[in-house]
Amino acid sequence: LLFLLLFLLALILFFFFLFVLVFLSVRLLFLLLFLRPPTPNFVPPLSRYYPPSVPFFFFFFFFFFFFFFFFFFFFFFSQLSAGTLLPPAFPVTSAYMRAFASSH
């Protein structure tokens, strides 16, 4: 249930920021295509809409967050369901600890 809730949260965030990114990109494309500069030296003030780092921030944030979330939880729950989440050295360590506790 927790995994399902986290998955839905990640999905909602992903599509929300995807919508924001598409919205900003379409608005920038509209500004670049349909706003003609009045003089040859005029530069449209695109920085008043958003700085150039905003789409890159959204892209990298979602790329790393989404893929880290997916691969981490897929690995974690697949290993947990297979019963191999703990490393092979764990029974050796626990046996050593039991022997150490029984000898002291």
Protein backbone atom coordinates (compact mmCIF):
# COMPACT_ATOMS: atom_id res chain seq x y z
CA LEU A 1 0.00 0.00 0.00
CA LEU A 2 2.85 2.36 0.85
CA PHE A 3 4.55 1.56 -2.43
CA LEU A 4 1.31 2.21 -4.28
CA LEU A 5 0.85 5.57 -2.60
CA LEU A 6 4.43 6.58 -3.32
CA PHE A 7 4.05 5.43 -6.91
CA LEU A 8 0.89 7.49 -7.34
CA LEU A 9 2.59 10.49 -5.76
CA ALA A 10 5.53 10.18 -8.13
CA LEU A 11 3.17 9.79 -11.08
CA ILE A 12 1.16 12.87 -10.11
CA LEU A 13 4.31 14.94 -9.61
CA PHE A 14 5.76 13.70 -12.87
CA PHE A 15 2.71 14.65 -14.92
CA PHE A 16 2.29 17.94 -13.09
CA PHE A 17 5.84 19.06 -13.82
CA LEU A 18 5.59 17.62 -17.31
CA PHE A 19 2.55 19.83 -17.84
CA VAL A 20 4.44 22.83 -16.45
CA LEU A 21 7.41 22.13 -18.69
CA VAL A 22 5.23 21.72 -21.79
CA PHE A 23 3.27 24.85 -20.92
CA LEU A 24 6.42 26.94 -20.53
CA SER A 25 7.94 25.51 -23.70
CA VAL A 26 4.79 26.19 -25.74
CA ARG A 27 4.61 29.72 -24.42
CA LEU A 28 8.26 30.30 -25.24
CA LEU A 29 7.72 28.83 -28.71
CA PHE A 30 4.75 31.14 -29.21
CA LEU A 31 6.83 34.13 -28.14
CA LEU A 32 9.68 33.21 -30.45
CA LEU A 33 7.46 32.51 -33.46
CA PHE A 34 4.71 35.11 -33.30
CA LEU A 35 6.28 38.12 -31.60
CA ARG A 36 8.24 39.96 -34.26
CA PRO A 37 10.82 42.43 -33.00
CA PRO A 38 9.95 46.04 -33.86
CA THR A 39 13.57 46.92 -34.64
CA PRO A 40 16.49 44.74 -35.82
CA ASN A 41 18.35 45.39 -32.57
CA PHE A 42 15.41 44.53 -30.33
CA VAL A 43 15.76 41.42 -28.18
CA PRO A 44 12.54 40.02 -26.67
CA PRO A 45 12.81 40.02 -22.87
CA LEU A 46 12.33 36.31 -22.38
CA SER A 47 13.96 36.43 -18.96
CA ARG A 48 10.88 38.16 -17.53
CA TYR A 49 8.86 35.00 -18.24
CA TYR A 50 11.29 32.52 -16.80
CA PRO A 51 15.07 32.12 -16.70
CA PRO A 52 16.64 29.67 -19.17
CA SER A 53 17.57 27.27 -16.38
CA VAL A 54 13.94 26.45 -15.51
CA PRO A 55 13.28 23.81 -18.24
CA PHE A 56 16.65 22.19 -17.55
CA PHE A 57 15.89 22.11 -13.84
CA PHE A 58 12.54 20.42 -14.46
CA PHE A 59 14.05 17.95 -16.90
CA PHE A 60 16.93 16.87 -14.68
CA PHE A 61 14.83 16.89 -11.50
CA PHE A 62 12.26 14.59 -13.04
CA PHE A 63 14.76 12.43 -14.84
CA PHE A 64 16.72 11.66 -11.67
CA PHE A 65 13.74 11.57 -9.31
CA PHE A 66 11.55 9.40 -11.51
CA PHE A 67 14.21 6.89 -12.52
CA PHE A 68 15.78 6.68 -9.08
CA PHE A 69 12.34 6.13 -7.58
CA PHE A 70 11.41 3.46 -10.09
CA PHE A 71 14.65 1.51 -10.10
CA PHE A 72 15.20 1.71 -6.34
CA PHE A 73 11.73 0.50 -5.42
CA PHE A 74 11.63 -2.07 -8.19
CA PHE A 75 14.93 -3.51 -6.96
CA PHE A 76 13.92 -3.28 -3.30
CA PHE A 77 10.55 -4.96 -3.64
CA SER A 78 11.71 -7.59 -6.12
CA GLN A 79 14.53 -8.55 -3.77
CA LEU A 80 12.18 -8.46 -0.80
CA SER A 81 9.62 -10.69 -2.48
CA ALA A 82 12.36 -13.10 -3.59
CA GLY A 83 13.73 -13.25 -0.05
CA THR A 84 17.21 -12.20 -1.18
CA LEU A 85 17.26 -8.64 0.14
CA LEU A 86 19.91 -9.44 2.72
CA PRO A 87 23.43 -10.14 1.48
CA PRO A 88 24.82 -13.70 1.59
CA ALA A 89 27.17 -12.77 4.43
CA PHE A 90 24.30 -12.12 6.81
CA PRO A 91 23.85 -15.74 8.06
CA VAL A 92 27.60 -15.97 8.60
CA THR A 93 27.55 -12.72 10.56
CA SER A 94 24.57 -13.78 12.66
CA ALA A 95 26.16 -17.18 13.35
CA TYR A 96 29.37 -15.44 14.38
CA MET A 97 27.42 -13.13 16.69
CA ARG A 98 25.57 -16.08 18.25
CA ALA A 99 28.85 -17.91 18.80
CA PHE A 100 30.42 -14.78 20.26
CA ALA A 101 27.43 -14.22 22.58
CA SER A 102 27.41 -17.84 23.73
CA SER A 103 31.17 -17.86 24.41
CA HIS A 104 31.03 -14.65 26.47
